[in-house]
Amino acid sequence: MSEEKGMVPVDEPETSVAVAVEEEQETRTRKLPPYNVIILNDEEHTFEYVIDLLVKLFAHPLRTAEALTWEIHNRGRAVVYTTHKEKAELKRDQVVSQGADPRMRESRGPLGCYIEPAEG
């Protein structure tokens, strides 16, 4: 601003303007890859043992547990649960920790159980 004759300069207060910059952040939830928990057939565990285990550990309804037990018996194996790897490992360990079938004298150990990556 130029000073003209006879005019007294006026001090203007400094003003600052804060401009809020909103950053867009895109948050994506990454899905963990799925894993199957698989139980194997054997001759050392009763149907009742397998059904009870499926209901207790996997919260399957009785009819689902029965159908899975028949699939294990007829096909030699069945996918009984699909979840992320950490939980699949936990479920496998829980199956193994159930040990032998007390209903059968020849039962010496737990059901065969393993996990594998699922498609998807």
N, C-alpha and C. Protein backbone atom coordinates (compact mmCIF):
# COMPACT_ATOMS: atom_id res chain seq x y z
N MET A 1 0.84 -1.15 0.00
CA MET A 1 0.00 0.00 0.00
C MET A 1 0.90 1.23 0.00
N SER A 2 0.66 2.17 -0.85
CA SER A 2 1.49 3.37 -0.89
C SER A 2 0.93 4.41 0.06
N GLU A 3 1.87 5.17 0.63
CA GLU A 3 1.42 6.20 1.56
C GLU A 3 1.13 7.47 0.78
N GLU A 4 -0.01 8.00 0.96
CA GLU A 4 -0.35 9.26 0.33
C GLU A 4 -0.12 10.37 1.33
N LYS A 5 0.07 11.60 0.82
CA LYS A 5 0.30 12.75 1.70
C LYS A 5 -0.87 12.93 2.63
N GLY A 6 -0.51 13.13 3.87
CA GLY A 6 -1.53 13.44 4.85
C GLY A 6 -2.21 12.21 5.42
N MET A 7 -1.89 11.07 4.92
CA MET A 7 -2.53 9.86 5.46
C MET A 7 -1.57 9.17 6.41
N VAL A 8 -2.08 8.74 7.47
CA VAL A 8 -1.29 8.02 8.47
C VAL A 8 -1.49 6.53 8.22
N PRO A 9 -0.37 5.84 8.14
CA PRO A 9 -0.53 4.40 7.90
C PRO A 9 -1.21 3.71 9.09
N VAL A 10 -2.06 2.81 8.81
CA VAL A 10 -2.78 2.07 9.84
C VAL A 10 -2.21 0.65 9.88
N ASP A 11 -1.85 0.28 11.06
CA ASP A 11 -1.36 -1.10 11.22
C ASP A 11 -2.57 -2.04 11.22
N GLU A 12 -2.55 -2.91 10.28
CA GLU A 12 -3.63 -3.89 10.23
C GLU A 12 -3.18 -5.14 10.98
N PRO A 13 -4.07 -5.66 11.76
CA PRO A 13 -3.67 -6.88 12.49
C PRO A 13 -3.43 -8.01 11.50
N GLU A 14 -2.43 -8.80 11.86
CA GLU A 14 -2.13 -9.95 11.00
C GLU A 14 -3.20 -11.01 11.20
N THR A 15 -3.64 -11.50 10.12
CA THR A 15 -4.60 -12.60 10.22
C THR A 15 -4.00 -13.81 9.53
N SER A 16 -4.20 -14.90 10.16
CA SER A 16 -3.74 -16.15 9.55
C SER A 16 -4.94 -17.05 9.40
N VAL A 17 -4.95 -17.70 8.31
CA VAL A 17 -6.05 -18.60 8.02
C VAL A 17 -5.48 -20.01 7.99
N ALA A 18 -6.02 -20.83 8.86
CA ALA A 18 -5.59 -22.24 8.88
C ALA A 18 -6.51 -23.00 7.94
N VAL A 19 -5.91 -23.64 7.01
CA VAL A 19 -6.68 -24.43 6.07
C VAL A 19 -6.53 -25.90 6.46
N ALA A 20 -7.62 -26.47 6.81
CA ALA A 20 -7.58 -27.88 7.18
C ALA A 20 -7.60 -28.71 5.91
N VAL A 21 -6.59 -29.51 5.77
CA VAL A 21 -6.51 -30.39 4.62
C VAL A 21 -6.97 -31.77 5.08
N GLU A 22 -8.04 -32.18 4.52
CA GLU A 22 -8.57 -33.48 4.88
C GLU A 22 -7.96 -34.51 3.96
N GLU A 23 -7.21 -35.39 4.56
CA GLU A 23 -6.59 -36.45 3.77
C GLU A 23 -7.54 -37.62 3.72
N GLU A 24 -7.73 -38.09 2.53
CA GLU A 24 -8.57 -39.27 2.38
C GLU A 24 -7.71 -40.50 2.56
N GLN A 25 -8.10 -41.29 3.49
CA GLN A 25 -7.41 -42.55 3.71
C GLN A 25 -8.39 -43.67 3.40
N GLU A 26 -7.96 -44.51 2.54
CA GLU A 26 -8.80 -45.63 2.18
C GLU A 26 -8.38 -46.81 3.03
N THR A 27 -9.31 -47.27 3.81
CA THR A 27 -9.03 -48.41 4.68
C THR A 27 -9.72 -49.63 4.09
N ARG A 28 -8.92 -50.60 3.82
CA ARG A 28 -9.46 -51.85 3.30
C ARG A 28 -9.15 -52.96 4.29
N THR A 29 -10.14 -53.71 4.61
CA THR A 29 -9.93 -54.85 5.48
C THR A 29 -9.48 -56.00 4.59
N ARG A 30 -8.31 -56.47 4.87
CA ARG A 30 -7.78 -57.58 4.08
C ARG A 30 -8.24 -58.88 4.70
N LYS A 31 -8.87 -59.71 3.90
CA LYS A 31 -9.35 -60.98 4.38
C LYS A 31 -8.21 -61.97 4.45
N LEU A 32 -8.17 -62.70 5.56
CA LEU A 32 -7.15 -63.73 5.71
C LEU A 32 -7.50 -64.92 4.82
N PRO A 33 -6.50 -65.57 4.25
CA PRO A 33 -6.80 -66.72 3.39
C PRO A 33 -7.43 -67.86 4.21
N PRO A 34 -8.40 -68.55 3.64
CA PRO A 34 -9.10 -69.61 4.39
C PRO A 34 -8.31 -70.92 4.43
N TYR A 35 -8.53 -71.65 5.51
CA TYR A 35 -7.94 -72.98 5.69
C TYR A 35 -9.03 -73.96 6.08
N ASN A 36 -8.91 -75.19 5.59
CA ASN A 36 -9.85 -76.25 5.94
C ASN A 36 -9.28 -77.09 7.07
N VAL A 37 -10.16 -77.47 7.99
CA VAL A 37 -9.82 -78.46 9.02
C VAL A 37 -10.40 -79.78 8.52
N ILE A 38 -9.56 -80.78 8.42
CA ILE A 38 -9.96 -82.07 7.85
C ILE A 38 -9.76 -83.17 8.88
N ILE A 39 -10.78 -84.00 9.03
CA ILE A 39 -10.71 -85.15 9.92
C ILE A 39 -10.67 -86.41 9.06
N LEU A 40 -9.81 -87.34 9.46
CA LEU A 40 -9.61 -88.59 8.73
C LEU A 40 -10.36 -89.74 9.39
N ASN A 41 -10.73 -90.70 8.59
CA ASN A 41 -11.39 -91.90 9.09
C ASN A 41 -10.37 -92.84 9.71
N ASP A 42 -10.81 -93.58 10.70
CA ASP A 42 -10.00 -94.67 11.25
C ASP A 42 -10.95 -95.68 11.87
N GLU A 43 -10.40 -96.76 12.33
CA GLU A 43 -11.21 -97.82 12.94
C GLU A 43 -11.08 -97.82 14.47
N GLU A 44 -10.52 -96.77 15.02
CA GLU A 44 -10.29 -96.71 16.46
C GLU A 44 -11.19 -95.72 17.19
N HIS A 45 -12.15 -95.14 16.47
CA HIS A 45 -13.06 -94.18 17.10
C HIS A 45 -14.48 -94.48 16.65
N THR A 46 -15.41 -94.43 17.59
CA THR A 46 -16.81 -94.71 17.28
C THR A 46 -17.48 -93.50 16.62
N PHE A 47 -18.59 -93.78 15.97
CA PHE A 47 -19.39 -92.70 15.39
C PHE A 47 -19.78 -91.70 16.48
N GLU A 48 -20.17 -92.23 17.65
CA GLU A 48 -20.59 -91.36 18.76
C GLU A 48 -19.48 -90.40 19.16
N TYR A 49 -18.25 -90.92 19.23
CA TYR A 49 -17.10 -90.09 19.60
C TYR A 49 -16.93 -88.95 18.59
N VAL A 50 -16.97 -89.27 17.30
CA VAL A 50 -16.77 -88.27 16.26
C VAL A 50 -17.91 -87.24 16.27
N ILE A 51 -19.13 -87.72 16.38
CA ILE A 51 -20.27 -86.82 16.42
C ILE A 51 -20.18 -85.88 17.62
N ASP A 52 -19.90 -86.43 18.79
CA ASP A 52 -19.76 -85.59 20.00
C ASP A 52 -18.67 -84.54 19.82
N LEU A 53 -17.55 -84.95 19.23
CA LEU A 53 -16.43 -84.03 19.00
C LEU A 53 -16.85 -82.89 18.06
N LEU A 54 -17.55 -83.21 16.99
CA LEU A 54 -17.97 -82.19 16.02
C LEU A 54 -18.97 -81.20 16.63
N VAL A 55 -19.82 -81.69 17.48
CA VAL A 55 -20.79 -80.81 18.16
C VAL A 55 -20.07 -79.94 19.18
N LYS A 56 -19.21 -80.56 19.97
CA LYS A 56 -18.53 -79.85 21.07
C LYS A 56 -17.51 -78.82 20.57
N LEU A 57 -16.64 -79.22 19.65
CA LEU A 57 -15.54 -78.35 19.24
C LEU A 57 -15.89 -77.38 18.12
N PHE A 58 -16.81 -77.79 17.24
CA PHE A 58 -17.11 -76.97 16.07
C PHE A 58 -18.51 -76.37 16.10
N ALA A 59 -19.26 -76.71 17.14
CA ALA A 59 -20.63 -76.20 17.32
C ALA A 59 -21.54 -76.55 16.15
N HIS A 60 -21.29 -77.72 15.55
CA HIS A 60 -22.17 -78.17 14.48
C HIS A 60 -23.48 -78.70 15.09
N PRO A 61 -24.60 -78.42 14.44
CA PRO A 61 -25.84 -79.06 14.88
C PRO A 61 -25.71 -80.58 14.75
N LEU A 62 -26.50 -81.32 15.50
CA LEU A 62 -26.41 -82.77 15.51
C LEU A 62 -26.53 -83.37 14.11
N ARG A 63 -27.47 -82.91 13.32
CA ARG A 63 -27.63 -83.46 11.96
C ARG A 63 -26.41 -83.21 11.09
N THR A 64 -25.83 -82.04 11.19
CA THR A 64 -24.61 -81.74 10.42
C THR A 64 -23.46 -82.63 10.88
N ALA A 65 -23.33 -82.79 12.19
CA ALA A 65 -22.27 -83.65 12.74
C ALA A 65 -22.44 -85.09 12.27
N GLU A 66 -23.68 -85.56 12.24
CA GLU A 66 -23.93 -86.93 11.75
C GLU A 66 -23.57 -87.06 10.28
N ALA A 67 -23.97 -86.10 9.47
CA ALA A 67 -23.67 -86.14 8.04
C ALA A 67 -22.16 -86.09 7.80
N LEU A 68 -21.45 -85.25 8.54
CA LEU A 68 -20.00 -85.17 8.39
C LEU A 68 -19.33 -86.48 8.81
N THR A 69 -19.84 -87.10 9.86
CA THR A 69 -19.29 -88.38 10.33
C THR A 69 -19.46 -89.46 9.27
N TRP A 70 -20.60 -89.49 8.61
CA TRP A 70 -20.81 -90.44 7.52
C TRP A 70 -19.88 -90.15 6.35
N GLU A 71 -19.66 -88.87 6.07
CA GLU A 71 -18.74 -88.51 4.99
C GLU A 71 -17.31 -88.96 5.33
N ILE A 72 -16.90 -88.76 6.57
CA ILE A 72 -15.58 -89.21 7.01
C ILE A 72 -15.48 -90.73 6.83
N HIS A 73 -16.51 -91.43 7.24
CA HIS A 73 -16.52 -92.90 7.16
C HIS A 73 -16.49 -93.39 5.71
N ASN A 74 -17.31 -92.78 4.86
CA ASN A 74 -17.44 -93.26 3.48
C ASN A 74 -16.33 -92.79 2.54
N ARG A 75 -15.84 -91.59 2.75
CA ARG A 75 -14.82 -91.03 1.85
C ARG A 75 -13.41 -91.05 2.43
N GLY A 76 -13.32 -91.38 3.68
CA GLY A 76 -12.01 -91.44 4.31
C GLY A 76 -11.56 -90.12 4.93
N ARG A 77 -12.31 -89.07 4.67
CA ARG A 77 -11.98 -87.75 5.22
C ARG A 77 -13.13 -86.80 4.94
N ALA A 78 -13.16 -85.69 5.67
CA ALA A 78 -14.16 -84.64 5.40
C ALA A 78 -13.63 -83.31 5.92
N VAL A 79 -13.97 -82.27 5.20
CA VAL A 79 -13.70 -80.90 5.66
C VAL A 79 -14.79 -80.60 6.69
N VAL A 80 -14.38 -80.37 7.93
CA VAL A 80 -15.36 -80.15 8.99
C VAL A 80 -15.48 -78.69 9.40
N TYR A 81 -14.54 -77.85 8.91
CA TYR A 81 -14.55 -76.44 9.31
C TYR A 81 -13.62 -75.67 8.38
N THR A 82 -13.99 -74.44 8.06
CA THR A 82 -13.13 -73.57 7.26
C THR A 82 -13.06 -72.22 7.94
N THR A 83 -11.83 -71.74 8.14
CA THR A 83 -11.60 -70.48 8.85
C THR A 83 -10.21 -69.97 8.49
N HIS A 84 -9.76 -68.92 9.17
CA HIS A 84 -8.40 -68.43 8.93
C HIS A 84 -7.39 -69.38 9.58
N LYS A 85 -6.15 -69.28 9.18
CA LYS A 85 -5.12 -70.26 9.56
C LYS A 85 -4.96 -70.42 11.07
N GLU A 86 -4.90 -69.32 11.79
CA GLU A 86 -4.67 -69.40 13.23
C GLU A 86 -5.78 -70.19 13.94
N LYS A 87 -7.02 -69.91 13.56
CA LYS A 87 -8.13 -70.63 14.19
C LYS A 87 -8.18 -72.08 13.71
N ALA A 88 -7.83 -72.34 12.46
CA ALA A 88 -7.78 -73.71 11.95
C ALA A 88 -6.74 -74.52 12.74
N GLU A 89 -5.59 -73.91 13.02
CA GLU A 89 -4.56 -74.59 13.82
C GLU A 89 -5.07 -74.88 15.23
N LEU A 90 -5.78 -73.93 15.80
CA LEU A 90 -6.36 -74.12 17.12
C LEU A 90 -7.35 -75.29 17.11
N LYS A 91 -8.23 -75.32 16.12
CA LYS A 91 -9.22 -76.40 16.05
C LYS A 91 -8.56 -77.75 15.84
N ARG A 92 -7.54 -77.80 15.00
CA ARG A 92 -6.79 -79.06 14.80
C ARG A 92 -6.20 -79.52 16.13
N ASP A 93 -5.59 -78.60 16.85
CA ASP A 93 -4.98 -78.95 18.14
C ASP A 93 -6.02 -79.42 19.15
N GLN A 94 -7.21 -78.82 19.10
CA GLN A 94 -8.28 -79.24 20.00
C GLN A 94 -8.74 -80.66 19.67
N VAL A 95 -8.84 -80.99 18.39
CA VAL A 95 -9.23 -82.34 17.99
C VAL A 95 -8.20 -83.34 18.52
N VAL A 96 -6.94 -83.05 18.29
CA VAL A 96 -5.86 -83.96 18.70
C VAL A 96 -5.83 -84.11 20.23
N SER A 97 -6.12 -83.03 20.94
CA SER A 97 -6.07 -83.08 22.41
C SER A 97 -7.20 -83.90 23.02
N GLN A 98 -8.21 -84.24 22.22
CA GLN A 98 -9.31 -85.06 22.75
C GLN A 98 -8.87 -86.49 23.02
N GLY A 99 -7.80 -86.91 22.36
CA GLY A 99 -7.22 -88.22 22.65
C GLY A 99 -8.03 -89.40 22.15
N ALA A 100 -7.81 -90.53 22.81
CA ALA A 100 -8.42 -91.80 22.42
C ALA A 100 -9.91 -91.84 22.75
N ASP A 101 -10.61 -92.73 22.09
CA ASP A 101 -12.04 -92.94 22.33
C ASP A 101 -12.19 -93.91 23.50
N PRO A 102 -12.74 -93.46 24.63
CA PRO A 102 -12.86 -94.34 25.79
C PRO A 102 -13.86 -95.49 25.57
N ARG A 103 -14.67 -95.40 24.52
CA ARG A 103 -15.66 -96.44 24.22
C ARG A 103 -15.01 -97.66 23.56
N MET A 104 -13.77 -97.49 23.06
CA MET A 104 -13.12 -98.58 22.33
C MET A 104 -11.77 -98.91 22.98
N ARG A 105 -11.60 -100.17 23.31
CA ARG A 105 -10.37 -100.63 23.93
C ARG A 105 -9.17 -100.45 22.99
N GLU A 106 -9.40 -100.66 21.68
CA GLU A 106 -8.29 -100.58 20.72
C GLU A 106 -7.94 -99.14 20.31
N SER A 107 -8.67 -98.16 20.82
CA SER A 107 -8.38 -96.77 20.51
C SER A 107 -7.16 -96.32 21.31
N ARG A 108 -6.08 -95.99 20.61
CA ARG A 108 -4.81 -95.65 21.27
C ARG A 108 -4.43 -94.19 21.13
N GLY A 109 -5.16 -93.44 20.36
CA GLY A 109 -4.78 -92.04 20.16
C GLY A 109 -5.91 -91.22 19.59
N PRO A 110 -5.60 -89.99 19.23
CA PRO A 110 -6.63 -89.08 18.73
C PRO A 110 -7.01 -89.38 17.28
N LEU A 111 -8.08 -88.74 16.86
CA LEU A 111 -8.47 -88.79 15.44
C LEU A 111 -7.38 -88.13 14.61
N GLY A 112 -7.21 -88.62 13.41
CA GLY A 112 -6.30 -87.95 12.48
C GLY A 112 -6.93 -86.64 12.04
N CYS A 113 -6.17 -85.58 12.12
CA CYS A 113 -6.71 -84.27 11.77
C CYS A 113 -5.58 -83.40 11.25
N TYR A 114 -5.85 -82.67 10.18
CA TYR A 114 -4.85 -81.74 9.65
C TYR A 114 -5.54 -80.57 9.01
N ILE A 115 -4.77 -79.55 8.67
CA ILE A 115 -5.33 -78.38 7.97
C ILE A 115 -4.64 -78.24 6.62
N GLU A 116 -5.35 -77.61 5.70
CA GLU A 116 -4.80 -77.34 4.39
C GLU A 116 -5.44 -76.04 3.86
N PRO A 117 -4.72 -75.33 3.00
CA PRO A 117 -5.31 -74.11 2.43
C PRO A 117 -6.59 -74.45 1.65
N ALA A 118 -7.58 -73.63 1.84
CA ALA A 118 -8.85 -73.81 1.12
C ALA A 118 -8.85 -72.94 -0.12
N GLU A 119 -9.63 -73.33 -1.09
CA GLU A 119 -9.76 -72.49 -2.27
C GLU A 119 -10.62 -71.29 -1.91
N GLY A 120 -10.30 -70.18 -2.47
CA GLY A 120 -11.14 -69.02 -2.21
C GLY A 120 -10.31 -67.86 -1.97
